[in-house]
Amino acid sequence: YSPNTFVEVYYHEYNYTPPEELEKWREVCNELGFTIFSHSATVNPLEHIINYMTDNDDASRIIDVLKTLKFDFKDGRIEDMRDNAELCYSFNNMFCVTAAGKVICCDCAYDEEKSLIAEDIENTTYLELMEAKRKNEICQKCLELGYPNFLSSLSSSPKKNKKIL
């Protein structure tokens, strides 16, 4: 039927990923007319990173995963982003809507109760959603810890339009 379908391949790089592998994927994507988005792998959910960055004991269960990353969250690149929430891609560009019509602050947060910003998307305005994001505990902590800095600065995507660091 020749549908107008856009395909984007997400390639997550780890500290053990051979550089030539990404180049091979780029070649395949170019040949097929796909877009490729490559970036350093990170950890989800966001709650795990918050635990790690705040030295919460719950972080111990992700230590082995953190060793596979190409960076360390505690390497000093953190900036306080509380006053610059618009630099966070998720904050600025998306709302995550559950199957029940609830809205959560971002796709990296998995705790629906703590990340909830609206009970019903159909009865909430855009301005109310944005204000709820600014007040959300998880969103505030993420910005305070500078987590969006890691997500943007580690991206090698040509679509990225803002360099935070």
Protein backbone atom coordinates (compact mmCIF):
# COMPACT_ATOMS: atom_id res chain seq x y z
CA TYR A 1 0.00 0.00 0.00
CA SER A 2 3.06 2.28 0.10
CA PRO A 3 2.25 3.91 3.44
CA ASN A 4 4.14 7.03 4.43
CA THR A 5 5.86 5.46 7.45
CA PHE A 6 8.74 7.06 9.32
CA VAL A 7 11.21 4.63 10.90
CA GLU A 8 13.72 5.74 13.49
CA VAL A 9 16.26 3.32 14.94
CA TYR A 10 17.41 3.98 18.51
CA TYR A 11 20.96 2.81 19.12
CA HIS A 12 22.12 2.75 22.74
CA GLU A 13 25.89 2.82 23.23
CA TYR A 14 27.55 1.10 26.20
CA ASN A 15 31.17 1.23 27.34
CA TYR A 16 31.74 -2.16 25.69
CA THR A 17 30.13 -1.29 22.33
CA PRO A 18 32.66 -1.40 19.47
CA PRO A 19 32.65 1.91 17.53
CA GLU A 20 32.43 0.14 14.17
CA GLU A 21 29.08 -1.39 15.15
CA LEU A 22 27.36 2.01 15.15
CA GLU A 23 28.84 2.78 11.74
CA LYS A 24 27.41 -0.48 10.37
CA TRP A 25 23.98 0.45 11.72
CA ARG A 26 24.25 3.89 10.12
CA GLU A 27 24.99 2.26 6.76
CA VAL A 28 21.98 -0.06 7.07
CA CYS A 29 19.71 2.84 8.06
CA ASN A 30 20.96 5.02 5.19
CA GLU A 31 20.39 2.17 2.73
CA LEU A 32 16.82 1.66 3.98
CA GLY A 33 16.00 5.36 4.35
CA PHE A 34 15.67 5.15 8.14
CA THR A 35 16.81 7.74 10.66
CA ILE A 36 19.18 6.60 13.37
CA PHE A 37 19.30 8.14 16.83
CA SER A 38 22.36 7.12 18.81
CA HIS A 39 23.20 8.03 22.36
CA SER A 40 24.90 6.68 25.42
CA ALA A 41 22.72 4.19 27.21
CA THR A 42 21.36 5.31 30.55
CA VAL A 43 19.18 3.85 33.28
CA ASN A 44 15.43 3.84 33.66
CA PRO A 45 13.38 4.38 35.63
CA LEU A 46 14.39 7.82 36.74
CA GLU A 47 13.69 6.82 40.32
CA HIS A 48 16.79 4.56 40.24
CA ILE A 49 19.00 7.49 39.22
CA ILE A 50 17.51 9.70 41.92
CA ASN A 51 18.29 6.98 44.48
CA TYR A 52 21.86 6.66 43.16
CA MET A 53 22.49 10.41 43.04
CA THR A 54 21.14 10.91 46.57
CA ASP A 55 23.05 7.90 47.97
CA ASN A 56 19.85 6.07 48.83
CA ASP A 57 20.42 2.43 49.77
CA ASP A 58 17.97 1.33 47.05
CA ALA A 59 20.61 2.26 44.46
CA SER A 60 22.76 -0.78 45.23
CA ARG A 61 20.69 -2.98 42.94
CA ILE A 62 21.69 -0.98 39.83
CA ILE A 63 25.44 -0.70 40.50
CA ASP A 64 26.27 -3.48 38.01
CA VAL A 65 24.21 -1.77 35.31
CA LEU A 66 25.92 1.56 36.00
CA LYS A 67 29.28 -0.09 35.30
CA THR A 68 28.20 -0.74 31.68
CA LEU A 69 27.56 2.94 30.93
CA LYS A 70 29.96 5.22 29.10
CA PHE A 71 29.83 7.78 31.92
CA ASP A 72 29.28 8.10 35.65
CA PHE A 73 26.35 10.15 36.89
CA LYS A 74 28.57 11.43 39.67
CA ASP A 75 31.31 12.71 37.37
CA GLY A 76 30.68 16.38 38.06
CA ARG A 77 28.78 17.55 35.00
CA ILE A 78 25.63 18.29 37.04
CA GLU A 79 24.14 21.74 36.72
CA ASP A 80 21.14 22.90 38.69
CA MET A 81 18.38 22.99 36.09
CA ARG A 82 15.49 23.94 38.39
CA ASP A 83 15.19 27.34 36.75
CA ASN A 84 15.69 25.95 33.24
CA ALA A 85 13.14 23.17 33.00
CA GLU A 86 12.53 24.03 29.36
CA LEU A 87 15.94 22.52 28.56
CA CYS A 88 14.64 19.09 29.49
CA TYR A 89 13.31 17.38 26.36
CA SER A 90 10.60 15.51 28.25
CA PHE A 91 9.53 18.58 30.20
CA ASN A 92 9.38 20.77 27.13
CA ASN A 93 8.06 18.40 24.49
CA MET A 94 5.91 15.62 25.87
CA PHE A 95 3.22 14.38 28.17
CA CYS A 96 2.87 10.70 28.89
CA VAL A 97 -0.70 9.50 28.91
CA THR A 98 -1.63 6.16 30.44
CA ALA A 99 -4.27 3.85 28.99
CA ALA A 100 -6.64 5.18 31.68
CA GLY A 101 -6.17 8.79 30.50
CA LYS A 102 -3.97 9.84 33.42
CA VAL A 103 -0.95 12.04 32.67
CA ILE A 104 2.49 11.45 34.17
CA CYS A 105 5.40 13.88 34.09
CA CYS A 106 7.76 11.97 31.78
CA ASP A 107 8.55 8.69 30.08
CA CYS A 108 11.57 8.06 32.32
CA ALA A 109 9.53 7.95 35.55
CA TYR A 110 7.73 4.70 36.30
CA ASP A 111 6.10 5.41 39.67
CA GLU A 112 2.68 6.48 38.43
CA GLU A 113 1.56 7.73 41.82
CA LYS A 114 4.57 10.04 42.32
CA SER A 115 4.83 11.12 38.68
CA LEU A 116 1.10 11.82 38.22
CA ILE A 117 0.33 15.35 37.03
CA ALA A 118 -3.32 14.93 36.00
CA GLU A 119 -6.05 12.37 36.63
CA ASP A 120 -7.77 13.00 33.29
CA ILE A 121 -6.12 14.45 30.19
CA GLU A 122 -9.47 15.37 28.67
CA ASN A 123 -10.34 17.68 31.56
CA THR A 124 -6.93 19.33 32.01
CA THR A 125 -5.58 22.28 30.05
CA TYR A 126 -2.09 22.52 28.64
CA LEU A 127 -1.20 25.28 31.11
CA GLU A 128 -2.44 23.17 34.02
CA LEU A 129 -0.32 20.25 32.83
CA MET A 130 2.80 22.41 32.53
CA GLU A 131 2.25 23.92 35.97
CA ALA A 132 1.74 20.45 37.45
CA LYS A 133 5.02 19.33 35.86
CA ARG A 134 6.85 22.24 37.51
CA LYS A 135 5.41 21.24 40.88
CA ASN A 136 5.85 17.48 40.52
CA GLU A 137 8.22 15.98 43.10
CA ILE A 138 9.98 13.64 40.66
CA CYS A 139 10.32 16.34 38.01
CA GLN A 140 11.74 18.80 40.55
CA LYS A 141 14.26 16.26 41.89
CA CYS A 142 15.35 15.27 38.39
CA LEU A 143 15.97 18.91 37.46
CA GLU A 144 17.73 19.56 40.75
CA LEU A 145 20.09 16.66 40.09
CA GLY A 146 20.70 17.80 36.51
CA TYR A 147 19.63 14.48 35.02
CA PRO A 148 18.43 16.11 31.75
CA ASN A 149 22.03 17.30 31.27
CA PHE A 150 23.13 13.70 30.91
CA LEU A 151 20.37 12.83 28.48
CA SER A 152 20.99 15.78 26.15
CA SER A 153 24.73 16.09 26.34
CA LEU A 154 25.30 12.41 25.66
CA SER A 155 23.11 12.32 22.58
CA SER A 156 24.77 12.17 19.18
CA SER A 157 21.49 12.65 17.35
CA PRO A 158 21.49 15.18 14.50
CA LYS A 159 17.93 16.07 15.53
CA LYS A 160 19.12 17.54 18.84
CA ASN A 161 18.61 21.29 18.72
CA LYS A 162 19.89 22.32 22.14
CA LYS A 163 23.25 21.67 23.73
CA ILE A 164 22.95 21.99 27.48
CA LEU A 165 26.61 21.71 28.40
